[in-house]
Amino acid sequence: MAQADSVGQNTGASFSRYLIAQANGVSLAATGNAVVALPILGGGLTNGGGAGNSGGVIVRQVTFQNPNSDISAANLAILTSSDGNTSNSVVTALTYASLTAAGKFQDGNIASPYLASQSITGNVTQALFVKVNNAVANGTVDIRVYGDIVNF
C-alpha cells in the first residue's frame, strides 16, 4: 500500500505550484538593482544554450510575506536580470499596501509574457533578482516564488 504522507519518489516536476525560489528577511533598507538573488531551484537550471534544450519553469505565484514591520510604502519588482532593466520583469513594480504588520502577505502581479505564455529558461537566467524602487528603513520581507517545472 502506498504511503499517503510520502513524496520521496517524486521530484518537483511531479507537483503543481512547487516552490521554485525563495529568500527570507530580504532587506528593503536601500534602493537598488539585485538587492538579493533568488536562485531558481536552489542552484539554477540547466543551460543548454537555447530554450529547447535548457531547463525551464513557469511562474504561477509570487508571495511577499512575513514583513518585520509596516513596509506598505516599499516598491519592489522581480526581474530575470540583475541590471534593473524593467523589460525583464517577472513581477511588476508594486507598492505592497497589505504588508502592514507581521503575519500579513500579498501576492505580486506577474508580468507579461510570463503571466500567459512564457516560461523562464536556463539559457536566460539562473536566478531571479529583487529590485527595490522605494526603500523602507529597517524593513524586511520573505519572498516565495511558486510555479511549475517544465524540465530541469
Protein backbone atom coordinates (compact mmCIF):
# COMPACT_ATOMS: atom_id res chain seq x y z
CA MET A 1 0.00 0.00 0.00
CA ALA A 2 1.27 3.49 -0.84
CA GLN A 3 2.18 5.84 1.96
CA ALA A 4 -0.16 8.85 1.78
CA ASP A 5 2.33 11.01 3.65
CA SER A 6 5.34 10.20 1.48
CA VAL A 7 6.50 12.03 -1.63
CA GLY A 8 10.01 10.61 -1.57
CA GLN A 9 9.75 9.02 -5.01
CA ASN A 10 8.66 12.25 -6.70
CA THR A 11 10.54 15.36 -7.77
CA GLY A 12 9.41 18.96 -8.19
CA ALA A 13 8.23 18.06 -11.69
CA SER A 14 5.56 15.89 -10.05
CA PHE A 15 3.79 18.79 -8.38
CA SER A 16 1.92 21.92 -9.35
CA ARG A 17 2.85 25.20 -7.67
CA TYR A 18 6.21 23.94 -6.47
CA LEU A 19 8.45 26.34 -4.53
CA ILE A 20 10.98 27.30 -7.22
CA ALA A 21 12.79 30.19 -5.49
CA GLN A 22 12.80 31.88 -2.08
CA ALA A 23 14.56 34.31 0.22
CA ASN A 24 13.98 35.15 3.86
CA GLY A 25 14.50 38.52 5.51
CA VAL A 26 15.10 40.45 2.29
CA SER A 27 16.27 43.90 3.33
CA LEU A 28 14.27 46.82 1.98
CA ALA A 29 16.50 49.41 3.67
CA ALA A 30 18.05 50.71 0.44
CA THR A 31 17.02 51.05 -3.18
CA GLY A 32 18.93 49.18 -5.82
CA ASN A 33 19.10 46.53 -8.51
CA ALA A 34 19.68 42.91 -7.49
CA VAL A 35 19.24 43.61 -3.78
CA VAL A 36 19.03 39.86 -3.45
CA ALA A 37 19.26 36.95 -5.89
CA LEU A 38 16.68 34.16 -5.75
CA PRO A 39 18.41 31.10 -7.27
CA ILE A 40 15.93 29.03 -9.26
CA LEU A 41 15.54 25.58 -7.67
CA GLY A 42 18.30 26.48 -5.24
CA GLY A 43 21.08 26.24 -7.81
CA GLY A 44 19.85 27.21 -11.24
CA LEU A 45 18.51 25.48 -14.31
CA THR A 46 20.37 23.56 -16.99
CA ASN A 47 21.71 25.97 -19.62
CA GLY A 48 21.76 24.13 -22.93
CA GLY A 49 22.30 27.32 -24.93
CA GLY A 50 18.70 27.60 -26.11
CA ALA A 51 15.16 27.44 -24.76
CA GLY A 52 14.51 23.99 -26.27
CA ASN A 53 17.38 22.23 -24.52
CA SER A 54 17.58 24.19 -21.25
CA GLY A 55 15.71 23.73 -18.00
CA GLY A 56 12.57 25.78 -17.56
CA VAL A 57 9.97 26.89 -15.03
CA ILE A 58 6.56 28.52 -15.31
CA VAL A 59 5.98 31.21 -12.67
CA ARG A 60 2.47 30.89 -11.24
CA GLN A 61 2.56 32.91 -8.00
CA VAL A 62 4.93 35.20 -6.12
CA THR A 63 4.11 35.85 -2.47
CA PHE A 64 5.62 38.55 -0.28
CA GLN A 65 5.06 37.56 3.34
CA ASN A 66 6.08 37.96 6.95
CA PRO A 67 7.18 41.61 6.96
CA ASN A 68 9.05 42.57 10.12
CA SER A 69 7.12 45.87 10.35
CA ASP A 70 4.91 48.13 8.23
CA ILE A 71 6.56 48.03 4.80
CA SER A 72 3.49 49.18 2.88
CA ALA A 73 5.49 52.05 1.32
CA ALA A 74 8.01 49.66 -0.24
CA ASN A 75 8.02 49.34 -4.01
CA LEU A 76 9.58 46.14 -5.38
CA ALA A 77 9.93 44.29 -8.65
CA ILE A 78 11.41 40.90 -9.52
CA LEU A 79 13.46 40.64 -12.70
CA THR A 80 15.28 37.98 -14.72
CA SER A 81 18.36 40.22 -14.89
CA SER A 82 20.50 41.96 -12.29
CA ASP A 83 20.79 45.22 -14.24
CA GLY A 84 17.45 46.71 -13.20
CA ASN A 85 16.04 46.60 -16.73
CA THR A 86 12.26 46.58 -16.17
CA SER A 87 11.63 44.98 -19.56
CA ASN A 88 12.89 41.83 -17.79
CA SER A 89 10.17 41.98 -15.10
CA VAL A 90 8.68 38.76 -13.81
CA VAL A 91 6.76 40.68 -11.14
CA THR A 92 5.88 44.26 -11.97
CA ALA A 93 6.90 47.07 -9.64
CA LEU A 94 4.23 47.40 -6.99
CA THR A 95 3.68 49.07 -3.65
CA TYR A 96 2.69 46.37 -1.17
CA ALA A 97 -0.10 48.13 0.72
CA SER A 98 -1.21 44.94 2.53
CA LEU A 99 2.15 44.43 4.23
CA THR A 100 1.45 46.50 7.32
CA ALA A 101 2.47 44.06 10.08
CA ALA A 102 3.93 40.63 10.81
CA GLY A 103 1.66 37.83 9.64
CA LYS A 104 0.47 39.72 6.54
CA PHE A 105 1.08 38.66 2.93
CA GLN A 106 0.46 39.93 -0.58
CA ASP A 107 0.87 38.31 -3.97
CA GLY A 108 2.74 40.17 -6.70
CA ASN A 109 1.46 40.83 -10.20
CA ILE A 110 3.14 38.51 -12.68
CA ALA A 111 4.26 40.46 -15.73
CA SER A 112 3.65 39.67 -19.36
CA PRO A 113 4.83 37.49 -21.09
CA TYR A 114 5.32 35.28 -18.01
CA LEU A 115 1.69 35.69 -16.97
CA ALA A 116 0.25 33.99 -20.03
CA SER A 117 2.65 32.08 -22.21
CA GLN A 118 6.37 32.33 -21.44
CA SER A 119 8.45 30.06 -19.23
CA ILE A 120 11.76 31.14 -17.74
CA THR A 121 14.58 29.07 -19.17
CA GLY A 122 18.10 28.33 -18.05
CA ASN A 123 19.63 29.97 -21.09
CA VAL A 124 18.02 33.28 -19.97
CA THR A 125 18.81 33.22 -16.24
CA GLN A 126 19.76 31.02 -13.31
CA ALA A 127 18.16 33.28 -10.70
CA LEU A 128 15.56 35.97 -10.21
CA PHE A 129 16.59 39.36 -8.84
CA VAL A 130 14.77 41.69 -6.45
CA LYS A 131 14.82 45.38 -7.37
CA VAL A 132 13.87 47.84 -4.62
CA ASN A 133 12.48 51.06 -6.10
CA ASN A 134 11.29 52.62 -2.83
CA ALA A 135 13.06 51.65 0.37
CA VAL A 136 11.69 51.28 3.91
CA ALA A 137 14.21 51.81 6.69
CA ASN A 138 14.85 48.59 8.62
CA GLY A 139 12.14 46.76 6.64
CA THR A 140 12.43 43.11 5.66
CA VAL A 141 10.17 40.63 3.91
CA ASP A 142 10.21 36.97 2.90
CA ILE A 143 9.67 36.17 -0.78
CA ARG A 144 8.35 32.88 -2.20
CA VAL A 145 8.12 32.09 -5.92
CA TYR A 146 5.87 29.17 -6.86
CA GLY A 147 5.46 27.56 -10.24
CA ASP A 148 5.58 24.51 -12.41
CA ILE A 149 8.74 22.83 -13.57
CA VAL A 150 8.92 22.36 -17.32
CA ASN A 151 12.19 20.45 -17.08
CA PHE A 152 15.40 20.60 -15.10
